[in-house]
């Protein structure tokens, strides 16, 4: 996966029942090539009550494979691929291939 996706990035869903939805990455599982996107791939879980949380049917995000999402270009707002380049100060940063805009903060 080469760290193309990081927590906090904005992505759009390319395939599946949530195709077209946009959201922020909540969690990344690099070993499994999966990530959790806010408001995407929602599932219901029946949970037992515990000392900290009440039980019931809880709706939460399930993971989605990285091949089904694409970064959103910061300039145009469309889906884009990601490349890597080195800045003058030696930092390696991610950039949107559609516009050339740097994604990393």
PDB file of N, CA and C in Angstrom:
ATOM      1  N   UNK A   1       0.830  -1.198   0.000  1.00  0.00           N
ATOM      2  CA  UNK A   1       0.000   0.000   0.000  1.00  0.00           C
ATOM      3  C   UNK A   1       0.866   1.250   0.000  1.00  0.00           C
ATOM      4  N   UNK A   2       2.075   1.190   0.537  1.00  0.00           N
ATOM      5  CA  UNK A   2       3.054   2.284   0.498  1.00  0.00           C
ATOM      6  C   UNK A   2       2.549   3.583   1.139  1.00  0.00           C
ATOM      7  N   UNK A   3       1.699   3.485   2.144  1.00  0.00           N
ATOM      8  CA  UNK A   3       1.214   4.646   2.907  1.00  0.00           C
ATOM      9  C   UNK A   3       0.583   5.722   2.033  1.00  0.00           C
ATOM     10  N   UNK A   4      -0.160   5.309   1.014  1.00  0.00           N
ATOM     11  CA  UNK A   4      -0.852   6.288   0.182  1.00  0.00           C
ATOM     12  C   UNK A   4      -2.060   6.857   0.909  1.00  0.00           C
ATOM     13  N   UNK A   5      -2.631   6.071   1.833  1.00  0.00           N
ATOM     14  CA  UNK A   5      -3.785   6.525   2.609  1.00  0.00           C
ATOM     15  C   UNK A   5      -3.380   6.704   4.058  1.00  0.00           C
ATOM     16  N   UNK A   6      -3.789   7.827   4.645  1.00  0.00           N
ATOM     17  CA  UNK A   6      -3.491   8.097   6.050  1.00  0.00           C
ATOM     18  C   UNK A   6      -4.766   8.575   6.740  1.00  0.00           C
ATOM     19  N   UNK A   7      -4.790   8.420   8.047  1.00  0.00           N
ATOM     20  CA  UNK A   7      -5.919   8.874   8.845  1.00  0.00           C
ATOM     21  C   UNK A   7      -6.125  10.374   8.620  1.00  0.00           C
ATOM     22  N   UNK A   8      -7.376  10.748   8.385  1.00  0.00           N
ATOM     23  CA  UNK A   8      -7.689  12.160   8.169  1.00  0.00           C
ATOM     24  C   UNK A   8      -7.803  12.559   6.712  1.00  0.00           C
ATOM     25  N   UNK A   9      -7.353  11.708   5.781  1.00  0.00           N
ATOM     26  CA  UNK A   9      -7.475  12.008   4.353  1.00  0.00           C
ATOM     27  C   UNK A   9      -8.935  11.944   3.925  1.00  0.00           C
ATOM     28  N   UNK A  10      -9.293  12.716   2.915  1.00  0.00           N
ATOM     29  CA  UNK A  10     -10.639  12.678   2.361  1.00  0.00           C
ATOM     30  C   UNK A  10     -10.620  11.811   1.107  1.00  0.00           C
ATOM     31  N   UNK A  11     -11.532  10.843   1.060  1.00  0.00           N
ATOM     32  CA  UNK A  11     -11.583   9.905  -0.066  1.00  0.00           C
ATOM     33  C   UNK A  11     -13.001   9.788  -0.601  1.00  0.00           C
ATOM     34  N   UNK A  12     -13.113   9.249  -1.791  1.00  0.00           N
ATOM     35  CA  UNK A  12     -14.410   8.943  -2.388  1.00  0.00           C
ATOM     36  C   UNK A  12     -14.455   7.449  -2.683  1.00  0.00           C
ATOM     37  N   UNK A  13     -15.649   6.870  -2.584  1.00  0.00           N
ATOM     38  CA  UNK A  13     -15.815   5.434  -2.800  1.00  0.00           C
ATOM     39  C   UNK A  13     -16.080   5.187  -4.284  1.00  0.00           C
ATOM     40  N   UNK A  14     -15.331   4.247  -4.876  1.00  0.00           N
ATOM     41  CA  UNK A  14     -15.422   3.961  -6.303  1.00  0.00           C
ATOM     42  C   UNK A  14     -16.335   2.792  -6.622  1.00  0.00           C
ATOM     43  N   UNK A  15     -16.507   1.856  -5.670  1.00  0.00           N
ATOM     44  CA  UNK A  15     -17.283   0.650  -5.955  1.00  0.00           C
ATOM     45  C   UNK A  15     -18.042   0.207  -4.720  1.00  0.00           C
ATOM     46  N   UNK A  16     -19.105  -0.570  -4.942  1.00  0.00           N
ATOM     47  CA  UNK A  16     -19.890  -1.095  -3.834  1.00  0.00           C
ATOM     48  C   UNK A  16     -21.177  -0.331  -3.636  1.00  0.00           C
ATOM     49  N   UNK A  17     -21.895  -0.667  -2.580  1.00  0.00           N
ATOM     50  CA  UNK A  17     -23.209  -0.057  -2.374  1.00  0.00           C
ATOM     51  C   UNK A  17     -23.119   1.412  -1.978  1.00  0.00           C
ATOM     52  N   UNK A  18     -21.954   1.859  -1.516  1.00  0.00           N
ATOM     53  CA  UNK A  18     -21.771   3.266  -1.130  1.00  0.00           C
ATOM     54  C   UNK A  18     -21.023   4.058  -2.193  1.00  0.00           C
ATOM     55  N   UNK A  19     -21.051   3.587  -3.430  1.00  0.00           N
ATOM     56  CA  UNK A  19     -20.333   4.244  -4.525  1.00  0.00           C
ATOM     57  C   UNK A  19     -20.746   5.703  -4.641  1.00  0.00           C
ATOM     58  N   UNK A  20     -19.754   6.589  -4.725  1.00  0.00           N
ATOM     59  CA  UNK A  20     -20.017   8.019  -4.863  1.00  0.00           C
ATOM     60  C   UNK A  20     -19.955   8.788  -3.555  1.00  0.00           C
ATOM     61  N   UNK A  21     -20.028   8.082  -2.423  1.00  0.00           N
ATOM     62  CA  UNK A  21     -19.970   8.771  -1.135  1.00  0.00           C
ATOM     63  C   UNK A  21     -18.552   9.254  -0.848  1.00  0.00           C
ATOM     64  N   UNK A  22     -18.468  10.369  -0.131  1.00  0.00           N
ATOM     65  CA  UNK A  22     -17.179  10.919   0.261  1.00  0.00           C
ATOM     66  C   UNK A  22     -17.098  10.928   1.775  1.00  0.00           C
ATOM     67  N   UNK A  23     -15.905  10.769   2.305  1.00  0.00           N
ATOM     68  CA  UNK A  23     -15.741  10.785   3.750  1.00  0.00           C
ATOM     69  C   UNK A  23     -14.285  10.842   4.155  1.00  0.00           C
ATOM     70  N   UNK A  24     -14.088  10.991   5.455  1.00  0.00           N
ATOM     71  CA  UNK A  24     -12.752  11.085   6.020  1.00  0.00           C
ATOM     72  C   UNK A  24     -12.323   9.723   6.541  1.00  0.00           C
ATOM     73  N   UNK A  25     -11.054   9.388   6.376  1.00  0.00           N
ATOM     74  CA  UNK A  25     -10.538   8.116   6.868  1.00  0.00           C
ATOM     75  C   UNK A  25     -10.409   8.183   8.384  1.00  0.00           C
ATOM     76  N   UNK A  26     -11.023   7.206   9.064  1.00  0.00           N
ATOM     77  CA  UNK A  26     -10.979   7.148  10.522  1.00  0.00           C
ATOM     78  C   UNK A  26      -9.837   6.271  11.023  1.00  0.00           C
ATOM     79  N   UNK A  27      -9.563   5.178  10.288  1.00  0.00           N
ATOM     80  CA  UNK A  27      -8.577   4.198  10.730  1.00  0.00           C
ATOM     81  C   UNK A  27      -8.017   3.464   9.517  1.00  0.00           C
ATOM     82  N   UNK A  28      -6.741   3.114   9.545  1.00  0.00           N
ATOM     83  CA  UNK A  28      -6.111   2.396   8.442  1.00  0.00           C
ATOM     84  C   UNK A  28      -5.529   1.091   8.968  1.00  0.00           C
ATOM     85  N   UNK A  29      -5.787  -0.002   8.235  1.00  0.00           N
ATOM     86  CA  UNK A  29      -5.205  -1.304   8.556  1.00  0.00           C
ATOM     87  C   UNK A  29      -4.265  -1.674   7.401  1.00  0.00           C
ATOM     88  N   UNK A  30      -2.986  -1.228   7.439  1.00  0.00           N
ATOM     89  CA  UNK A  30      -2.090  -1.407   6.298  1.00  0.00           C
ATOM     90  C   UNK A  30      -1.769  -2.862   5.970  1.00  0.00           C
ATOM     91  N   UNK A  31      -1.697  -3.723   6.976  1.00  0.00           N
ATOM     92  CA  UNK A  31      -1.362  -5.133   6.729  1.00  0.00           C
ATOM     93  C   UNK A  31      -2.467  -5.814   5.926  1.00  0.00           C
ATOM     94  N   UNK A  32      -3.723  -5.452   6.202  1.00  0.00           N
ATOM     95  CA  UNK A  32      -4.866  -6.055   5.520  1.00  0.00           C
ATOM     96  C   UNK A  32      -5.317  -5.243   4.301  1.00  0.00           C
ATOM     97  N   UNK A  33      -4.669  -4.110   4.031  1.00  0.00           N
ATOM     98  CA  UNK A  33      -5.033  -3.200   2.934  1.00  0.00           C
ATOM     99  C   UNK A  33      -6.489  -2.762   3.029  1.00  0.00           C
ATOM    100  N   UNK A  34      -6.925  -2.417   4.232  1.00  0.00           N
ATOM    101  CA  UNK A  34      -8.307  -1.983   4.445  1.00  0.00           C
ATOM    102  C   UNK A  34      -8.309  -0.687   5.248  1.00  0.00           C
ATOM    103  N   UNK A  35      -9.405   0.064   5.139  1.00  0.00           N
ATOM    104  CA  UNK A  35      -9.542   1.282   5.931  1.00  0.00           C
ATOM    105  C   UNK A  35     -10.994   1.539   6.277  1.00  0.00           C
ATOM    106  N   UNK A  36     -11.186   2.360   7.293  1.00  0.00           N
ATOM    107  CA  UNK A  36     -12.520   2.730   7.768  1.00  0.00           C
ATOM    108  C   UNK A  36     -12.779   4.170   7.338  1.00  0.00           C
ATOM    109  N   UNK A  37     -13.904   4.394   6.629  1.00  0.00           N
ATOM    110  CA  UNK A  37     -14.261   5.724   6.153  1.00  0.00           C
ATOM    111  C   UNK A  37     -15.534   6.163   6.858  1.00  0.00           C
ATOM    112  N   UNK A  38     -15.548   7.404   7.323  1.00  0.00           N
ATOM    113  CA  UNK A  38     -16.676   7.934   8.078  1.00  0.00           C
ATOM    114  C   UNK A  38     -17.952   7.921   7.249  1.00  0.00           C
ATOM    115  N   UNK A  39     -18.990   7.237   7.768  1.00  0.00           N
ATOM    116  CA  UNK A  39     -20.298   7.183   7.123  1.00  0.00           C
ATOM    117  C   UNK A  39     -20.401   6.231   5.951  1.00  0.00           C
ATOM    118  N   UNK A  40     -19.379   5.405   5.718  1.00  0.00           N
ATOM    119  CA  UNK A  40     -19.365   4.486   4.582  1.00  0.00           C
ATOM    120  C   UNK A  40     -19.333   3.050   5.084  1.00  0.00           C
ATOM    121  N   UNK A  41     -20.063   2.157   4.402  1.00  0.00           N
ATOM    122  CA  UNK A  41     -20.124   0.732   4.738  1.00  0.00           C
ATOM    123  C   UNK A  41     -20.627   0.533   6.175  1.00  0.00           C
ATOM    124  N   UNK A  42     -21.751   1.175   6.484  1.00  0.00           N
ATOM    125  CA  UNK A  42     -22.332   1.092   7.825  1.00  0.00           C
ATOM    126  C   UNK A  42     -22.971  -0.281   8.041  1.00  0.00           C
ATOM    127  N   UNK A  43     -22.704  -0.868   9.220  1.00  0.00           N
ATOM    128  CA  UNK A  43     -23.266  -2.167   9.579  1.00  0.00           C
ATOM    129  C   UNK A  43     -23.880  -2.061  10.971  1.00  0.00           C
ATOM    130  N   UNK A  44     -24.847  -2.931  11.254  1.00  0.00           N
ATOM    131  CA  UNK A  44     -25.472  -2.956  12.576  1.00  0.00           C
ATOM    132  C   UNK A  44     -24.863  -4.085  13.384  1.00  0.00           C
ATOM    133  N   UNK A  45     -24.525  -3.800  14.641  1.00  0.00           N
ATOM    134  CA  UNK A  45     -23.956  -4.797  15.534  1.00  0.00           C
ATOM    135  C   UNK A  45     -24.815  -4.887  16.787  1.00  0.00           C
ATOM    136  N   UNK A  46     -25.184  -6.094  17.157  1.00  0.00           N
ATOM    137  CA  UNK A  46     -25.945  -6.313  18.389  1.00  0.00           C
ATOM    138  C   UNK A  46     -24.927  -6.451  19.515  1.00  0.00           C
ATOM    139  N   UNK A  47     -24.962  -5.503  20.460  1.00  0.00           N
ATOM    140  CA  UNK A  47     -23.961  -5.506  21.526  1.00  0.00           C
ATOM    141  C   UNK A  47     -24.614  -5.743  22.877  1.00  0.00           C
ATOM    142  N   UNK A  48     -23.885  -6.423  23.706  1.00  0.00           N
ATOM    143  CA  UNK A  48     -24.310  -6.716  25.070  1.00  0.00           C
ATOM    144  C   UNK A  48     -23.932  -5.520  25.948  1.00  0.00           C
ATOM    145  N   UNK A  49     -24.744  -5.183  26.939  1.00  0.00           N
ATOM    146  CA  UNK A  49     -24.391  -4.048  27.800  1.00  0.00           C
ATOM    147  C   UNK A  49     -23.139  -4.346  28.626  1.00  0.00           C
ATOM    148  N   UNK A  50     -22.329  -3.320  28.823  1.00  0.00           N
ATOM    149  CA  UNK A  50     -21.126  -3.443  29.655  1.00  0.00           C
ATOM    150  C   UNK A  50     -21.148  -2.325  30.697  1.00  0.00           C
ATOM    151  N   UNK A  51     -20.103  -2.239  31.482  1.00  0.00           N
ATOM    152  CA  UNK A  51     -20.052  -1.202  32.517  1.00  0.00           C
ATOM    153  C   UNK A  51     -19.947   0.188  31.909  1.00  0.00           C
ATOM    154  N   UNK A  52     -19.334   0.278  30.732  1.00  0.00           N
ATOM    155  CA  UNK A  52     -19.129   1.594  30.123  1.00  0.00           C
ATOM    156  C   UNK A  52     -20.215   1.971  29.122  1.00  0.00           C
ATOM    157  N   UNK A  53     -20.765   0.987  28.395  1.00  0.00           N
ATOM    158  CA  UNK A  53     -21.722   1.307  27.338  1.00  0.00           C
ATOM    159  C   UNK A  53     -23.011   0.514  27.501  1.00  0.00           C
ATOM    160  N   UNK A  54     -24.119   1.128  27.091  1.00  0.00           N
ATOM    161  CA  UNK A  54     -25.397   0.429  27.108  1.00  0.00           C
ATOM    162  C   UNK A  54     -25.460  -0.526  25.925  1.00  0.00           C
ATOM    163  N   UNK A  55     -26.214  -1.582  26.066  1.00  0.00           N
ATOM    164  CA  UNK A  55     -26.357  -2.553  24.983  1.00  0.00           C
ATOM    165  C   UNK A  55     -27.362  -2.090  23.959  1.00  0.00           C
ATOM    166  N   UNK A  56     -27.577  -2.905  22.960  1.00  0.00           N
ATOM    167  CA  UNK A  56     -28.557  -2.592  21.927  1.00  0.00           C
ATOM    168  C   UNK A  56     -27.954  -2.766  20.553  1.00  0.00           C
ATOM    169  N   UNK A  57     -28.660  -2.257  19.572  1.00  0.00           N
ATOM    170  CA  UNK A  57     -28.183  -2.353  18.193  1.00  0.00           C
ATOM    171  C   UNK A  57     -27.423  -1.075  17.860  1.00  0.00           C
ATOM    172  N   UNK A  58     -26.137  -1.228  17.620  1.00  0.00           N
ATOM    173  CA  UNK A  58     -25.267  -0.090  17.341  1.00  0.00           C
ATOM    174  C   UNK A  58     -24.879  -0.116  15.868  1.00  0.00           C
ATOM    175  N   UNK A  59     -24.961   1.043  15.222  1.00  0.00           N
ATOM    176  CA  UNK A  59     -24.567   1.152  13.824  1.00  0.00           C
ATOM    177  C   UNK A  59     -23.186   1.784  13.764  1.00  0.00           C
ATOM    178  N   UNK A  60     -22.246   1.106  13.073  1.00  0.00           N
ATOM    179  CA  UNK A  60     -20.891   1.626  12.976  1.00  0.00           C
ATOM    180  C   UNK A  60     -20.297   1.284  11.618  1.00  0.00           C
ATOM    181  N   UNK A  61     -19.137   1.884  11.336  1.00  0.00           N
ATOM    182  CA  UNK A  61     -18.471   1.672  10.065  1.00  0.00           C
ATOM    183  C   UNK A  61     -17.742   0.336  10.053  1.00  0.00           C
ATOM    184  N   UNK A  62     -17.807  -0.351   8.915  1.00  0.00           N
ATOM    185  CA  UNK A  62     -17.008  -1.551   8.696  1.00  0.00           C
ATOM    186  C   UNK A  62     -15.887  -1.170   7.732  1.00  0.00           C
ATOM    187  N   UNK A  63     -14.860  -2.007   7.662  1.00  0.00           N
ATOM    188  CA  UNK A  63     -13.719  -1.676   6.816  1.00  0.00           C
ATOM    189  C   UNK A  63     -14.075  -1.834   5.340  1.00  0.00           C
ATOM    190  N   UNK A  64     -13.311  -1.147   4.503  1.00  0.00           N
ATOM    191  CA  UNK A  64     -13.484  -1.197   3.058  1.00  0.00           C
ATOM    192  C   UNK A  64     -12.093  -1.357   2.454  1.00  0.00           C
ATOM    193  N   UNK A  65     -11.995  -2.096   1.360  1.00  0.00           N
ATOM    194  CA  UNK A  65     -10.692  -2.351   0.758  1.00  0.00           C
ATOM    195  C   UNK A  65     -10.166  -1.092   0.068  1.00  0.00           C
ATOM    196  N   UNK A  66      -8.836  -0.896   0.109  1.00  0.00           N
ATOM    197  CA  UNK A  66      -8.244   0.320  -0.449  1.00  0.00           C
ATOM    198  C   UNK A  66      -8.461   0.453  -1.954  1.00  0.00           C
ATOM    199  N   UNK A  67      -8.672  -0.683  -2.656  1.00  0.00           N
ATOM    200  CA  UNK A  67      -8.880  -0.620  -4.104  1.00  0.00           C
ATOM    201  C   UNK A  67     -10.224  -0.002  -4.452  1.00  0.00           C
ATOM    202  N   UNK A  68     -11.117   0.107  -3.488  1.00  0.00           N
ATOM    203  CA  UNK A  68     -12.450   0.650  -3.734  1.00  0.00           C
ATOM    204  C   UNK A  68     -12.581   2.124  -3.385  1.00  0.00           C
ATOM    205  N   UNK A  69     -11.476   2.774  -3.030  1.00  0.00           N
ATOM    206  CA  UNK A  69     -11.518   4.201  -2.710  1.00  0.00           C
ATOM    207  C   UNK A  69     -10.424   4.937  -3.483  1.00  0.00           C
ATOM    208  N   UNK A  70     -10.618   6.253  -3.646  1.00  0.00           N
ATOM    209  CA  UNK A  70      -9.620   7.104  -4.291  1.00  0.00           C
ATOM    210  C   UNK A  70      -9.555   8.420  -3.540  1.00  0.00           C
ATOM    211  N   UNK A  71      -8.380   9.005  -3.510  1.00  0.00           N
ATOM    212  CA  UNK A  71      -8.200  10.318  -2.893  1.00  0.00           C
ATOM    213  C   UNK A  71      -9.004  11.356  -3.651  1.00  0.00           C
ATOM    214  N   UNK A  72      -9.375  12.419  -2.950  1.00  0.00           N
ATOM    215  CA  UNK A  72     -10.053  13.542  -3.592  1.00  0.00           C
ATOM    216  C   UNK A  72      -9.017  14.638  -3.815  1.00  0.00           C
ATOM    217  N   UNK A  73      -8.958  15.112  -5.059  1.00  0.00           N
ATOM    218  CA  UNK A  73      -8.017  16.164  -5.426  1.00  0.00           C
ATOM    219  C   UNK A  73      -8.353  17.437  -4.634  1.00  0.00           C
ATOM    220  N   UNK A  74      -7.376  18.014  -3.914  1.00  0.00           N
ATOM    221  CA  UNK A  74      -7.669  19.221  -3.123  1.00  0.00           C
ATOM    222  C   UNK A  74      -8.071  20.415  -3.994  1.00  0.00           C
ATOM    223  N   UNK A  75      -7.660  20.424  -5.253  1.00  0.00           N
ATOM    224  CA  UNK A  75      -7.942  21.549  -6.132  1.00  0.00           C
ATOM    225  C   UNK A  75      -9.304  21.428  -6.818  1.00  0.00           C
ATOM    226  N   UNK A  76      -9.569  20.257  -7.451  1.00  0.00           N
ATOM    227  CA  UNK A  76     -10.782  20.112  -8.252  1.00  0.00           C
ATOM    228  C   UNK A  76     -11.915  19.374  -7.540  1.00  0.00           C
ATOM    229  N   UNK A  77     -11.608  18.612  -6.498  1.00  0.00           N
ATOM    230  CA  UNK A  77     -12.630  17.862  -5.789  1.00  0.00           C
ATOM    231  C   UNK A  77     -12.995  16.551  -6.459  1.00  0.00           C
ATOM    232  N   UNK A  78     -12.261  16.148  -7.498  1.00  0.00           N
ATOM    233  CA  UNK A  78     -12.510  14.894  -8.191  1.00  0.00           C
ATOM    234  C   UNK A  78     -11.559  13.813  -7.696  1.00  0.00           C
ATOM    235  N   UNK A  79     -11.861  12.560  -8.046  1.00  0.00           N
ATOM    236  CA  UNK A  79     -11.003  11.443  -7.658  1.00  0.00           C
ATOM    237  C   UNK A  79      -9.668  11.549  -8.380  1.00  0.00           C
ATOM    238  N   UNK A  80      -8.592  11.192  -7.688  1.00  0.00           N
ATOM    239  CA  UNK A  80      -7.261  11.264  -8.271  1.00  0.00           C
ATOM    240  C   UNK A  80      -6.383  10.157  -7.737  1.00  0.00           C
ATOM    241  N   UNK A  81      -5.335   9.854  -8.494  1.00  0.00           N
ATOM    242  CA  UNK A  81      -4.332   8.924  -8.007  1.00  0.00           C
ATOM    243  C   UNK A  81      -3.282   9.703  -7.230  1.00  0.00           C
ATOM    244  N   UNK A  82      -2.433   8.962  -6.504  1.00  0.00           N
ATOM    245  CA  UNK A  82      -1.458   9.605  -5.639  1.00  0.00           C
ATOM    246  C   UNK A  82      -0.056   9.218  -6.067  1.00  0.00           C
ATOM    247  N   UNK A  83       0.832  10.199  -6.088  1.00  0.00           N
ATOM    248  CA  UNK A  83       2.236   9.951  -6.366  1.00  0.00           C
ATOM    249  C   UNK A  83       3.084  10.463  -5.224  1.00  0.00           C
ATOM    250  N   UNK A  84       4.365  10.161  -5.276  1.00  0.00           N
ATOM    251  CA  UNK A  84       5.303  10.624  -4.259  1.00  0.00           C
ATOM    252  C   UNK A  84       6.385  11.453  -4.920  1.00  0.00           C
ATOM    253  N   UNK A  85       6.819  12.508  -4.235  1.00  0.00           N
ATOM    254  CA  UNK A  85       7.960  13.289  -4.727  1.00  0.00           C
ATOM    255  C   UNK A  85       8.698  13.879  -3.537  1.00  0.00           C
ATOM    256  N   UNK A  86       9.930  14.295  -3.777  1.00  0.00           N
ATOM    257  CA  UNK A  86      10.755  14.883  -2.729  1.00  0.00           C
ATOM    258  C   UNK A  86      10.763  16.392  -2.895  1.00  0.00           C
ATOM    259  N   UNK A  87      10.573  17.096  -1.775  1.00  0.00           N
ATOM    260  CA  UNK A  87      10.601  18.554  -1.777  1.00  0.00           C
ATOM    261  C   UNK A  87      12.053  19.028  -1.723  1.00  0.00           C
ATOM    262  N   UNK A  88      12.258  20.341  -1.869  1.00  0.00           N
ATOM    263  CA  UNK A  88      13.613  20.900  -1.837  1.00  0.00           C
ATOM    264  C   UNK A  88      14.303  20.666  -0.503  1.00  0.00           C
ATOM    265  N   UNK A  89      13.488  20.641   0.575  1.00  0.00           N
ATOM    266  CA  UNK A  89      14.075  20.444   1.911  1.00  0.00           C
ATOM    267  C   UNK A  89      14.293  18.966   2.243  1.00  0.00           C
ATOM    268  N   UNK A  90      14.044  18.070   1.286  1.00  0.00           N
ATOM    269  CA  UNK A  90      14.323  16.651   1.492  1.00  0.00           C
ATOM    270  C   UNK A  90      13.146  15.821   1.976  1.00  0.00           C
ATOM    271  N   UNK A  91      11.983  16.467   2.246  1.00  0.00           N
ATOM    272  CA  UNK A  91      10.814  15.710   2.705  1.00  0.00           C
ATOM    273  C   UNK A  91      10.189  14.954   1.544  1.00  0.00           C
ATOM    274  N   UNK A  92       9.713  13.740   1.827  1.00  0.00           N
ATOM    275  CA  UNK A  92       8.971  12.958   0.842  1.00  0.00           C
ATOM    276  C   UNK A  92       7.497  13.213   1.089  1.00  0.00           C
ATOM    277  N   UNK A  93       6.793  13.720   0.072  1.00  0.00           N
ATOM    278  CA  UNK A  93       5.382  14.073   0.237  1.00  0.00           C
ATOM    279  C   UNK A  93       4.538  13.375  -0.821  1.00  0.00           C
ATOM    280  N   UNK A  94       3.238  13.268  -0.520  1.00  0.00           N
ATOM    281  CA  UNK A  94       2.272  12.716  -1.470  1.00  0.00           C
ATOM    282  C   UNK A  94       1.673  13.879  -2.267  1.00  0.00           C
ATOM    283  N   UNK A  95       1.405  13.632  -3.560  1.00  0.00           N
ATOM    284  CA  UNK A  95       0.772  14.669  -4.360  1.00  0.00           C
ATOM    285  C   UNK A  95      -0.305  14.056  -5.247  1.00  0.00           C
ATOM    286  N   UNK A  96      -1.295  14.870  -5.599  1.00  0.00           N
ATOM    287  CA  UNK A  96      -2.388  14.431  -6.462  1.00  0.00           C
ATOM    288  C   UNK A  96      -1.904  14.467  -7.897  1.00  0.00           C
ATOM    289  N   UNK A  97      -2.015  13.346  -8.602  1.00  0.00           N
ATOM    290  CA  UNK A  97      -1.534  13.277  -9.974  1.00  0.00           C
ATOM    291  C   UNK A  97      -2.393  14.106 -10.935  1.00  0.00           C
ATOM    292  N   UNK A  98      -3.650  14.338 -10.567  1.00  0.00           N
ATOM    293  CA  UNK A  98      -4.548  15.111 -11.446  1.00  0.00           C
ATOM    294  C   UNK A  98      -4.107  16.565 -11.536  1.00  0.00           C
ATOM    295  N   UNK A  99      -3.760  17.182 -10.406  1.00  0.00           N
ATOM    296  CA  UNK A  99      -3.443  18.611 -10.408  1.00  0.00           C
ATOM    297  C   UNK A  99      -2.002  18.917 -10.020  1.00  0.00           C
ATOM    298  N   UNK A 100      -1.319  17.955  -9.414  1.00  0.00           N
ATOM    299  CA  UNK A 100       0.044  18.214  -8.940  1.00  0.00           C
ATOM    300  C   UNK A 100       0.083  18.827  -7.559  1.00  0.00           C
ATOM    301  N   UNK A 101      -1.071  19.041  -6.960  1.00  0.00           N
ATOM    302  CA  UNK A 101      -1.194  19.655  -5.628  1.00  0.00           C
ATOM    303  C   UNK A 101      -0.692  18.682  -4.557  1.00  0.00           C
ATOM    304  N   UNK A 102       0.056  19.210  -3.575  1.00  0.00           N
ATOM    305  CA  UNK A 102       0.577  18.379  -2.476  1.00  0.00           C
ATOM    306  C   UNK A 102      -0.556  18.051  -1.512  1.00  0.00           C
ATOM    307  N   UNK A 103      -0.686  16.750  -1.151  1.00  0.00           N
ATOM    308  CA  UNK A 103      -1.750  16.299  -0.247  1.00  0.00           C
ATOM    309  C   UNK A 103      -1.313  16.421   1.206  1.00  0.00           C
ATOM    310  N   UNK A 104      -0.050  16.102   1.483  1.00  0.00           N
ATOM    311  CA  UNK A 104       0.430  16.142   2.867  1.00  0.00           C
ATOM    312  C   UNK A 104       0.419  17.561   3.408  1.00  0.00           C
ATOM    313  N   UNK A 105       0.163  17.641   4.722  1.00  0.00           N
ATOM    314  CA  UNK A 105       0.105  18.940   5.358  1.00  0.00           C
ATOM    315  C   UNK A 105       1.488  19.427   5.722  1.00  0.00           C
TER     316      UNK A 105
END
